[in-house]
């Protein structure tokens, strides 16, 4: 066998091996496909001009599509109920679409996300506000896979409101469960 043929056979074998490794990794935790999730959250308030404001418990629902081991698009609805203040209770909701980037594709997957959507605030009591506006979501977290399809997810974020809800920024800390289809 000539050197050129030997080099060609070795190159093809090496490329096939890399492709098989990439497919195996994608089939395990970093594979593409849809997912859904739900969890509990605690929103620490970062309100400007609201005396005596405190945080509140809430929940989140999410769904998305993972394109490959490193990127997904995710939609999330989050609501915080009964954040207390000196002028009445404050309820908020957030509906966002975000890009989600993963640093690793094994059973432990740190991620960062950024996106935008709608933020709504309902403040009861004197001088209350009931408004919604465009908002932004930034966050980081980690997914811990218990099985191929089920992960525990932890996340810390920042919700930045604009216009009428610009004074009602929230730092949500959430813990939830994620289910990957396929």
N, C-alpha and C. Protein backbone atom coordinates (compact mmCIF):
# COMPACT_ATOMS: atom_id res chain seq x y z
N UNK A 1 0.85 -1.16 0.00
CA UNK A 1 0.00 0.00 0.00
C UNK A 1 0.90 1.23 0.00
N UNK A 2 0.55 2.21 -0.85
CA UNK A 2 1.36 3.42 -0.94
C UNK A 2 1.08 4.34 0.26
N UNK A 3 1.97 5.25 0.45
CA UNK A 3 1.83 6.18 1.57
C UNK A 3 0.57 7.03 1.42
N UNK A 4 0.24 7.45 0.19
CA UNK A 4 -0.94 8.27 -0.04
C UNK A 4 -2.22 7.53 0.33
N UNK A 5 -2.30 6.25 -0.06
CA UNK A 5 -3.48 5.46 0.29
C UNK A 5 -3.54 5.24 1.79
N UNK A 6 -2.42 4.96 2.41
CA UNK A 6 -2.37 4.76 3.85
C UNK A 6 -2.83 6.03 4.58
N UNK A 7 -2.34 7.18 4.13
CA UNK A 7 -2.73 8.46 4.74
C UNK A 7 -4.22 8.73 4.54
N UNK A 8 -4.73 8.42 3.35
CA UNK A 8 -6.16 8.62 3.08
C UNK A 8 -7.02 7.72 3.96
N UNK A 9 -6.65 6.45 4.11
CA UNK A 9 -7.39 5.51 4.96
C UNK A 9 -7.36 5.98 6.41
N UNK A 10 -6.20 6.41 6.89
CA UNK A 10 -6.08 6.91 8.27
C UNK A 10 -6.93 8.16 8.48
N UNK A 11 -6.94 9.05 7.50
CA UNK A 11 -7.73 10.28 7.61
C UNK A 11 -9.22 9.97 7.66
N UNK A 12 -9.69 9.08 6.78
CA UNK A 12 -11.10 8.70 6.77
C UNK A 12 -11.48 8.02 8.08
N UNK A 13 -10.63 7.14 8.60
CA UNK A 13 -10.91 6.47 9.86
C UNK A 13 -10.96 7.46 11.02
N UNK A 14 -10.06 8.43 11.01
CA UNK A 14 -10.03 9.43 12.07
C UNK A 14 -11.30 10.30 12.02
N UNK A 15 -11.70 10.74 10.83
CA UNK A 15 -12.91 11.54 10.69
C UNK A 15 -14.15 10.75 11.09
N UNK A 16 -14.21 9.49 10.73
CA UNK A 16 -15.35 8.65 11.13
C UNK A 16 -15.40 8.49 12.64
N UNK A 17 -14.26 8.34 13.27
CA UNK A 17 -14.20 8.23 14.73
C UNK A 17 -14.68 9.50 15.41
N UNK A 18 -14.24 10.66 14.91
CA UNK A 18 -14.70 11.93 15.47
C UNK A 18 -16.21 12.09 15.29
N UNK A 19 -16.72 11.74 14.13
CA UNK A 19 -18.15 11.85 13.88
C UNK A 19 -18.94 10.94 14.81
N UNK A 20 -18.47 9.72 15.01
CA UNK A 20 -19.16 8.79 15.91
C UNK A 20 -19.15 9.32 17.34
N UNK A 21 -18.04 9.90 17.78
CA UNK A 21 -17.96 10.48 19.12
C UNK A 21 -18.92 11.65 19.25
N UNK A 22 -18.99 12.52 18.25
CA UNK A 22 -19.90 13.66 18.29
C UNK A 22 -21.35 13.20 18.33
N UNK A 23 -21.71 12.20 17.55
CA UNK A 23 -23.07 11.67 17.55
C UNK A 23 -23.39 11.04 18.89
N UNK A 24 -22.46 10.29 19.48
CA UNK A 24 -22.70 9.67 20.78
C UNK A 24 -22.93 10.72 21.85
N UNK A 25 -22.14 11.80 21.86
CA UNK A 25 -22.32 12.86 22.84
C UNK A 25 -23.66 13.54 22.62
N UNK A 26 -24.03 13.80 21.38
CA UNK A 26 -25.29 14.45 21.08
C UNK A 26 -26.46 13.56 21.47
N UNK A 27 -26.31 12.25 21.40
CA UNK A 27 -27.38 11.33 21.75
C UNK A 27 -27.60 11.27 23.26
N UNK A 28 -26.63 11.64 24.04
CA UNK A 28 -26.76 11.52 25.48
C UNK A 28 -27.37 12.79 26.07
N UNK A 29 -26.61 13.75 26.49
CA UNK A 29 -27.11 14.93 27.19
C UNK A 29 -27.19 16.17 26.31
N UNK A 30 -26.33 16.32 25.36
CA UNK A 30 -26.30 17.52 24.53
C UNK A 30 -27.08 17.39 23.24
N UNK A 31 -27.96 16.42 23.15
CA UNK A 31 -28.69 16.17 21.90
C UNK A 31 -29.70 17.28 21.61
N UNK A 32 -30.07 17.40 20.36
CA UNK A 32 -31.07 18.39 19.97
C UNK A 32 -32.47 17.85 20.23
N UNK A 33 -33.40 18.78 20.37
CA UNK A 33 -34.79 18.41 20.58
C UNK A 33 -35.49 19.33 21.57
N UNK A 34 -36.82 19.16 21.70
CA UNK A 34 -37.61 20.02 22.57
C UNK A 34 -37.52 19.60 24.04
N UNK A 35 -37.86 20.55 24.92
CA UNK A 35 -37.91 20.28 26.36
C UNK A 35 -38.94 21.18 27.03
N UNK A 36 -39.38 20.76 28.21
CA UNK A 36 -40.28 21.56 29.04
C UNK A 36 -39.76 21.53 30.47
N UNK A 37 -40.20 22.48 31.28
CA UNK A 37 -39.76 22.52 32.66
C UNK A 37 -40.68 23.36 33.53
N UNK A 38 -40.56 23.18 34.83
CA UNK A 38 -41.32 23.94 35.81
C UNK A 38 -40.52 24.00 37.09
N UNK A 39 -40.76 25.05 37.87
CA UNK A 39 -40.04 25.17 39.13
C UNK A 39 -40.57 26.26 40.02
N UNK A 40 -39.99 26.32 41.20
CA UNK A 40 -40.30 27.37 42.15
C UNK A 40 -39.23 28.44 42.08
N UNK A 41 -39.61 29.66 42.45
CA UNK A 41 -38.67 30.76 42.39
C UNK A 41 -38.92 31.72 43.55
N UNK A 42 -37.87 32.38 43.96
CA UNK A 42 -37.99 33.46 44.92
C UNK A 42 -37.41 34.70 44.25
N UNK A 43 -38.21 35.76 44.20
CA UNK A 43 -37.77 36.98 43.56
C UNK A 43 -37.33 38.01 44.59
N UNK A 44 -36.05 38.32 44.59
CA UNK A 44 -35.54 39.40 45.44
C UNK A 44 -35.82 40.71 44.71
N UNK A 45 -36.45 41.64 45.41
CA UNK A 45 -36.79 42.90 44.76
C UNK A 45 -35.58 43.79 44.62
N UNK A 46 -35.58 44.54 43.55
CA UNK A 46 -34.60 45.59 43.32
C UNK A 46 -35.38 46.81 42.83
N UNK A 47 -36.36 47.22 43.67
CA UNK A 47 -37.30 48.27 43.29
C UNK A 47 -36.74 49.63 43.66
N UNK A 48 -36.90 50.59 42.76
CA UNK A 48 -36.53 51.98 43.04
C UNK A 48 -37.76 52.74 43.50
N UNK A 49 -37.67 53.45 44.60
CA UNK A 49 -38.75 54.31 45.04
C UNK A 49 -39.94 53.61 45.63
N UNK A 50 -39.81 52.33 46.06
CA UNK A 50 -40.91 51.61 46.69
C UNK A 50 -40.48 51.31 48.13
N UNK A 51 -41.01 52.06 49.12
CA UNK A 51 -40.55 51.89 50.50
C UNK A 51 -40.94 50.54 51.09
N UNK A 52 -40.02 49.95 51.83
CA UNK A 52 -40.29 48.73 52.57
C UNK A 52 -40.56 47.51 51.71
N UNK A 53 -40.13 47.51 50.46
CA UNK A 53 -40.41 46.38 49.57
C UNK A 53 -39.57 45.17 49.96
N UNK A 54 -40.16 44.00 49.79
CA UNK A 54 -39.46 42.75 50.06
C UNK A 54 -39.70 41.76 48.95
N UNK A 55 -39.03 40.65 48.99
CA UNK A 55 -39.15 39.64 47.95
C UNK A 55 -40.43 38.83 48.07
N UNK A 56 -40.61 37.92 47.12
CA UNK A 56 -41.79 37.08 47.12
C UNK A 56 -41.57 35.77 46.38
N UNK A 57 -42.34 34.76 46.79
CA UNK A 57 -42.27 33.44 46.17
C UNK A 57 -43.09 33.42 44.89
N UNK A 58 -42.75 32.50 44.01
CA UNK A 58 -43.47 32.37 42.77
C UNK A 58 -43.16 31.05 42.09
N UNK A 59 -43.45 30.98 40.81
CA UNK A 59 -43.23 29.78 40.01
C UNK A 59 -42.82 30.18 38.60
N UNK A 60 -42.28 29.21 37.87
CA UNK A 60 -41.96 29.44 36.46
C UNK A 60 -42.31 28.20 35.64
N UNK A 61 -42.64 28.45 34.40
CA UNK A 61 -42.91 27.41 33.41
C UNK A 61 -42.06 27.75 32.19
N UNK A 62 -41.42 26.75 31.61
CA UNK A 62 -40.56 27.01 30.46
C UNK A 62 -40.64 25.89 29.45
N UNK A 63 -40.31 26.24 28.24
CA UNK A 63 -40.23 25.28 27.15
C UNK A 63 -39.24 25.80 26.13
N UNK A 64 -38.61 24.89 25.44
CA UNK A 64 -37.63 25.34 24.47
C UNK A 64 -37.23 24.27 23.50
N UNK A 65 -36.29 24.63 22.66
CA UNK A 65 -35.74 23.69 21.68
C UNK A 65 -34.23 23.83 21.70
N UNK A 66 -33.58 22.71 21.89
CA UNK A 66 -32.11 22.68 21.88
C UNK A 66 -31.66 22.30 20.48
N UNK A 67 -30.88 23.16 19.84
CA UNK A 67 -30.44 22.94 18.47
C UNK A 67 -29.23 22.03 18.39
N UNK A 68 -28.34 22.12 19.36
CA UNK A 68 -27.16 21.28 19.42
C UNK A 68 -26.68 21.26 20.87
N UNK A 69 -25.50 20.72 21.11
CA UNK A 69 -25.03 20.62 22.49
C UNK A 69 -24.71 21.97 23.13
N UNK A 70 -24.65 23.05 22.35
CA UNK A 70 -24.22 24.33 22.91
C UNK A 70 -25.24 25.46 22.83
N UNK A 71 -26.40 25.28 22.17
CA UNK A 71 -27.33 26.40 22.03
C UNK A 71 -28.78 25.94 22.01
N UNK A 72 -29.64 26.74 22.69
CA UNK A 72 -31.09 26.50 22.71
C UNK A 72 -31.81 27.84 22.68
N UNK A 73 -33.08 27.79 22.28
CA UNK A 73 -33.99 28.93 22.38
C UNK A 73 -35.04 28.51 23.40
N UNK A 74 -35.34 29.42 24.35
CA UNK A 74 -36.23 29.06 25.45
C UNK A 74 -37.26 30.16 25.68
N UNK A 75 -38.52 29.75 25.87
CA UNK A 75 -39.58 30.65 26.30
C UNK A 75 -39.89 30.36 27.76
N UNK A 76 -40.10 31.43 28.55
CA UNK A 76 -40.35 31.23 29.97
C UNK A 76 -41.41 32.20 30.47
N UNK A 77 -42.31 31.67 31.30
CA UNK A 77 -43.28 32.49 32.03
C UNK A 77 -42.94 32.35 33.50
N UNK A 78 -42.84 33.49 34.18
CA UNK A 78 -42.52 33.48 35.61
C UNK A 78 -43.43 34.46 36.32
N UNK A 79 -43.91 34.08 37.50
CA UNK A 79 -44.77 34.96 38.27
C UNK A 79 -44.32 34.97 39.72
N UNK A 80 -44.27 36.18 40.30
CA UNK A 80 -43.95 36.37 41.72
C UNK A 80 -45.17 36.97 42.39
N UNK A 81 -45.60 36.35 43.47
CA UNK A 81 -46.85 36.75 44.12
C UNK A 81 -46.59 37.32 45.51
N UNK A 82 -47.29 38.38 45.84
CA UNK A 82 -47.30 38.90 47.20
C UNK A 82 -45.99 39.47 47.70
N UNK A 83 -45.26 40.19 46.87
CA UNK A 83 -44.09 40.91 47.38
C UNK A 83 -44.61 42.07 48.21
N UNK A 84 -44.27 42.09 49.47
CA UNK A 84 -44.83 43.09 50.37
C UNK A 84 -44.06 44.40 50.31
N UNK A 85 -44.80 45.51 50.51
CA UNK A 85 -44.19 46.83 50.61
C UNK A 85 -45.04 47.66 51.57
N UNK A 86 -44.56 48.83 51.96
CA UNK A 86 -45.31 49.70 52.87
C UNK A 86 -46.56 50.27 52.23
N UNK A 87 -46.66 50.21 50.92
CA UNK A 87 -47.82 50.78 50.23
C UNK A 87 -48.69 49.72 49.56
N UNK A 88 -48.52 48.45 49.89
CA UNK A 88 -49.37 47.39 49.35
C UNK A 88 -48.56 46.25 48.75
N UNK A 89 -49.26 45.16 48.48
CA UNK A 89 -48.60 43.99 47.88
C UNK A 89 -48.30 44.24 46.40
N UNK A 90 -47.25 43.60 45.94
CA UNK A 90 -46.83 43.73 44.55
C UNK A 90 -46.78 42.33 43.94
N UNK A 91 -47.48 42.14 42.84
CA UNK A 91 -47.41 40.90 42.06
C UNK A 91 -46.76 41.24 40.72
N UNK A 92 -45.94 40.34 40.22
CA UNK A 92 -45.30 40.59 38.92
C UNK A 92 -45.32 39.32 38.09
N UNK A 93 -45.25 39.50 36.79
CA UNK A 93 -45.12 38.38 35.86
C UNK A 93 -44.15 38.78 34.76
N UNK A 94 -43.53 37.78 34.18
CA UNK A 94 -42.55 37.98 33.12
C UNK A 94 -42.75 36.89 32.06
N UNK A 95 -42.79 37.28 30.81
CA UNK A 95 -42.88 36.35 29.69
C UNK A 95 -41.76 36.71 28.71
N UNK A 96 -40.78 35.82 28.58
CA UNK A 96 -39.61 36.14 27.75
C UNK A 96 -39.26 35.00 26.79
N UNK A 97 -38.55 35.37 25.75
CA UNK A 97 -37.89 34.43 24.85
C UNK A 97 -36.40 34.74 24.94
N UNK A 98 -35.58 33.69 25.10
CA UNK A 98 -34.15 33.91 25.34
C UNK A 98 -33.31 32.90 24.59
N UNK A 99 -32.11 33.32 24.25
CA UNK A 99 -31.08 32.41 23.75
C UNK A 99 -30.33 31.85 24.94
N UNK A 100 -30.03 30.57 24.91
CA UNK A 100 -29.39 29.89 26.03
C UNK A 100 -28.14 29.19 25.52
N UNK A 101 -26.99 29.54 26.06
CA UNK A 101 -25.71 28.95 25.64
C UNK A 101 -25.16 28.05 26.74
N UNK A 102 -24.74 26.85 26.37
CA UNK A 102 -24.20 25.86 27.30
C UNK A 102 -22.69 25.78 27.16
N UNK A 103 -22.00 25.72 28.29
CA UNK A 103 -20.54 25.64 28.27
C UNK A 103 -20.05 24.20 28.10
N UNK A 104 -20.79 23.22 28.61
CA UNK A 104 -20.41 21.80 28.55
C UNK A 104 -21.59 20.99 28.03
N UNK A 105 -21.35 19.75 27.61
CA UNK A 105 -22.45 18.92 27.15
C UNK A 105 -22.53 17.58 27.87
N UNK A 106 -21.99 17.49 29.07
CA UNK A 106 -22.07 16.26 29.86
C UNK A 106 -23.26 16.28 30.79
N UNK A 107 -23.24 15.48 31.85
CA UNK A 107 -24.37 15.42 32.78
C UNK A 107 -24.50 16.67 33.65
N UNK A 108 -23.48 17.50 33.73
CA UNK A 108 -23.54 18.79 34.42
C UNK A 108 -23.28 19.86 33.37
N UNK A 109 -24.29 20.74 33.16
CA UNK A 109 -24.23 21.69 32.06
C UNK A 109 -24.47 23.12 32.53
N UNK A 110 -23.41 23.88 32.78
CA UNK A 110 -23.58 25.31 33.09
C UNK A 110 -24.09 26.06 31.86
N UNK A 111 -24.89 27.10 32.10
CA UNK A 111 -25.42 27.87 30.98
C UNK A 111 -25.54 29.34 31.33
N UNK A 112 -25.65 30.16 30.29
CA UNK A 112 -25.96 31.58 30.41
C UNK A 112 -27.09 31.87 29.42
N UNK A 113 -27.95 32.82 29.76
CA UNK A 113 -29.04 33.15 28.86
C UNK A 113 -29.28 34.65 28.85
N UNK A 114 -29.86 35.11 27.75
CA UNK A 114 -30.24 36.51 27.60
C UNK A 114 -31.42 36.57 26.65
N UNK A 115 -32.40 37.41 26.98
CA UNK A 115 -33.56 37.52 26.11
C UNK A 115 -34.42 38.70 26.48
N UNK A 116 -35.56 38.80 25.82
CA UNK A 116 -36.48 39.89 26.08
C UNK A 116 -37.91 39.43 25.94
N UNK A 117 -38.83 40.24 26.45
CA UNK A 117 -40.24 39.91 26.38
C UNK A 117 -41.07 40.97 27.07
N UNK A 118 -42.08 40.54 27.81
CA UNK A 118 -42.99 41.45 28.51
C UNK A 118 -42.84 41.27 30.01
N UNK A 119 -42.95 42.38 30.75
CA UNK A 119 -42.93 42.38 32.21
C UNK A 119 -44.17 43.12 32.67
N UNK A 120 -44.89 42.53 33.63
CA UNK A 120 -46.09 43.17 34.17
C UNK A 120 -46.00 43.29 35.67
N UNK A 121 -46.53 44.40 36.20
CA UNK A 121 -46.53 44.65 37.64
C UNK A 121 -47.93 45.11 38.04
N UNK A 122 -48.42 44.54 39.15
CA UNK A 122 -49.69 44.94 39.73
C UNK A 122 -49.44 45.23 41.20
N UNK A 123 -49.53 46.51 41.56
CA UNK A 123 -49.28 46.93 42.93
C UNK A 123 -50.60 47.41 43.52
N UNK A 124 -51.07 46.74 44.58
CA UNK A 124 -52.30 47.16 45.23
C UNK A 124 -51.99 48.26 46.24
N UNK A 125 -53.03 48.90 46.74
CA UNK A 125 -52.84 49.93 47.76
C UNK A 125 -52.80 51.31 47.15
N UNK A 126 -52.56 52.29 48.02
CA UNK A 126 -52.55 53.69 47.61
C UNK A 126 -51.44 53.93 46.59
N UNK A 127 -51.75 54.63 45.55
CA UNK A 127 -50.76 54.93 44.51
C UNK A 127 -50.32 53.71 43.75
N UNK A 128 -51.17 52.67 43.70
CA UNK A 128 -50.83 51.41 43.05
C UNK A 128 -50.61 51.58 41.56
N UNK A 129 -49.95 50.60 40.99
CA UNK A 129 -49.64 50.61 39.57
C UNK A 129 -50.10 49.29 38.98
N UNK A 130 -50.63 49.34 37.79
CA UNK A 130 -51.00 48.13 37.05
C UNK A 130 -50.53 48.38 35.62
N UNK A 131 -49.34 47.91 35.30
CA UNK A 131 -48.73 48.27 34.02
C UNK A 131 -47.91 47.09 33.50
N UNK A 132 -47.69 47.09 32.21
CA UNK A 132 -46.78 46.13 31.61
C UNK A 132 -45.98 46.83 30.52
N UNK A 133 -44.81 46.28 30.25
CA UNK A 133 -43.90 46.91 29.30
C UNK A 133 -42.89 45.88 28.81
N UNK A 134 -42.05 46.30 27.91
CA UNK A 134 -40.96 45.45 27.43
C UNK A 134 -39.95 45.28 28.56
N UNK A 135 -39.39 44.10 28.67
CA UNK A 135 -38.37 43.85 29.68
C UNK A 135 -37.31 42.91 29.14
N UNK A 136 -36.26 42.78 29.90
CA UNK A 136 -35.13 41.94 29.51
C UNK A 136 -34.82 40.95 30.62
N UNK A 137 -34.34 39.77 30.25
CA UNK A 137 -33.95 38.74 31.21
C UNK A 137 -32.51 38.34 30.92
N UNK A 138 -31.71 38.32 31.98
CA UNK A 138 -30.34 37.83 31.92
C UNK A 138 -30.20 36.78 33.01
N UNK A 139 -29.41 35.76 32.78
CA UNK A 139 -29.26 34.76 33.82
C UNK A 139 -28.14 33.79 33.56
N UNK A 140 -27.87 33.01 34.59
CA UNK A 140 -26.88 31.94 34.52
C UNK A 140 -27.34 30.84 35.46
N UNK A 141 -26.94 29.63 35.15
CA UNK A 141 -27.35 28.51 35.99
C UNK A 141 -26.65 27.24 35.58
N UNK A 142 -27.23 26.12 36.05
CA UNK A 142 -26.65 24.82 35.73
C UNK A 142 -27.77 23.78 35.72
N UNK A 143 -27.68 22.86 34.77
CA UNK A 143 -28.58 21.71 34.68
C UNK A 143 -27.81 20.48 35.16
N UNK A 144 -28.40 19.73 36.10
CA UNK A 144 -27.82 18.48 36.60
C UNK A 144 -28.69 17.34 36.11
N UNK A 145 -28.18 16.52 35.20
CA UNK A 145 -28.98 15.43 34.64
C UNK A 145 -28.98 14.22 35.58
N UNK A 146 -30.19 13.82 36.00
CA UNK A 146 -30.37 12.62 36.80
C UNK A 146 -30.48 11.40 35.89
N UNK A 147 -31.12 11.58 34.74
CA UNK A 147 -31.23 10.56 33.70
C UNK A 147 -31.00 11.25 32.36
N UNK A 148 -31.12 10.50 31.32
CA UNK A 148 -30.95 11.04 29.97
C UNK A 148 -31.99 12.11 29.65
N UNK A 149 -33.18 12.01 30.26
CA UNK A 149 -34.28 12.91 29.93
C UNK A 149 -34.67 13.87 31.04
N UNK A 150 -34.23 13.63 32.28
CA UNK A 150 -34.67 14.45 33.41
C UNK A 150 -33.48 15.16 34.04
N UNK A 151 -33.64 16.47 34.24
CA UNK A 151 -32.57 17.27 34.86
C UNK A 151 -33.15 18.15 35.95
N UNK A 152 -32.36 18.38 36.97
CA UNK A 152 -32.65 19.39 37.98
C UNK A 152 -31.93 20.65 37.52
N UNK A 153 -32.64 21.77 37.52
CA UNK A 153 -32.05 23.00 37.03
C UNK A 153 -32.08 24.09 38.11
N UNK A 154 -30.99 24.80 38.25
CA UNK A 154 -30.88 25.92 39.19
C UNK A 154 -30.44 27.15 38.40
N UNK A 155 -31.05 28.29 38.72
CA UNK A 155 -30.78 29.48 37.92
C UNK A 155 -30.88 30.74 38.78
N UNK A 156 -30.04 31.72 38.50
CA UNK A 156 -30.10 33.05 39.07
C UNK A 156 -30.18 34.02 37.90
N UNK A 157 -31.09 34.97 37.99
CA UNK A 157 -31.27 35.88 36.87
C UNK A 157 -31.44 37.32 37.30
N UNK A 158 -31.70 38.16 36.32
CA UNK A 158 -32.02 39.55 36.56
C UNK A 158 -33.07 39.96 35.55
N UNK A 159 -34.20 40.48 36.03
CA UNK A 159 -35.28 40.93 35.16
C UNK A 159 -35.28 42.44 35.21
N UNK A 160 -35.06 43.04 34.06
CA UNK A 160 -34.94 44.49 33.94
C UNK A 160 -36.15 45.02 33.19
N UNK A 161 -37.02 45.75 33.88
CA UNK A 161 -38.19 46.33 33.26
C UNK A 161 -37.85 47.66 32.61
N UNK A 162 -38.73 48.11 31.72
CA UNK A 162 -38.56 49.41 31.07
C UNK A 162 -39.86 50.19 31.22
N UNK A 163 -39.87 51.44 30.83
CA UNK A 163 -41.05 52.32 30.81
C UNK A 163 -41.78 52.26 32.16
N UNK A 164 -43.07 51.92 32.16
CA UNK A 164 -43.90 51.95 33.37
C UNK A 164 -43.49 50.97 34.45
N UNK A 165 -42.75 49.94 34.12
CA UNK A 165 -42.29 48.97 35.12
C UNK A 165 -40.78 49.04 35.33
N UNK A 166 -40.18 50.15 34.90
CA UNK A 166 -38.74 50.30 34.99
C UNK A 166 -38.19 50.35 36.41
N UNK A 167 -39.05 50.69 37.39
CA UNK A 167 -38.61 50.73 38.78
C UNK A 167 -38.77 49.39 39.49
N UNK A 168 -39.27 48.37 38.81
CA UNK A 168 -39.59 47.09 39.44
C UNK A 168 -38.71 45.97 38.90
N UNK A 169 -37.42 46.07 39.10
CA UNK A 169 -36.49 45.04 38.67
C UNK A 169 -36.43 43.94 39.72
N UNK A 170 -36.22 42.71 39.27
CA UNK A 170 -36.28 41.54 40.16
C UNK A 170 -35.07 40.65 39.90
N UNK A 171 -34.55 40.06 40.98
CA UNK A 171 -33.48 39.07 40.90
C UNK A 171 -34.11 37.72 41.29
N UNK A 172 -34.54 36.91 40.31
CA UNK A 172 -35.14 35.62 40.64
C UNK A 172 -34.08 34.53 40.83
N UNK A 173 -34.28 33.73 41.86
CA UNK A 173 -33.46 32.54 42.12
C UNK A 173 -34.43 31.36 42.05
N UNK A 174 -34.18 30.43 41.13
CA UNK A 174 -35.16 29.36 40.92
C UNK A 174 -34.51 27.98 40.92
N UNK A 175 -35.33 27.01 41.27
CA UNK A 175 -34.95 25.60 41.28
C UNK A 175 -36.11 24.85 40.65
N UNK A 176 -35.81 23.97 39.67
CA UNK A 176 -36.89 23.28 38.98
C UNK A 176 -36.45 21.97 38.37
N UNK A 177 -37.38 21.39 37.62
CA UNK A 177 -37.17 20.12 36.92
C UNK A 177 -37.38 20.35 35.44
N UNK A 178 -36.54 19.71 34.64
CA UNK A 178 -36.59 19.83 33.19
C UNK A 178 -36.78 18.44 32.60
N UNK A 179 -37.66 18.33 31.60
CA UNK A 179 -37.84 17.06 30.90
C UNK A 179 -37.47 17.24 29.44
N UNK A 180 -36.54 16.43 28.98
CA UNK A 180 -36.08 16.44 27.57
C UNK A 180 -36.81 15.33 26.82
N UNK A 181 -37.44 15.68 25.72
CA UNK A 181 -38.10 14.68 24.86
C UNK A 181 -37.04 13.97 24.03
N UNK A 182 -37.33 12.79 23.56
CA UNK A 182 -36.49 11.94 22.71
C UNK A 182 -35.39 11.30 23.46
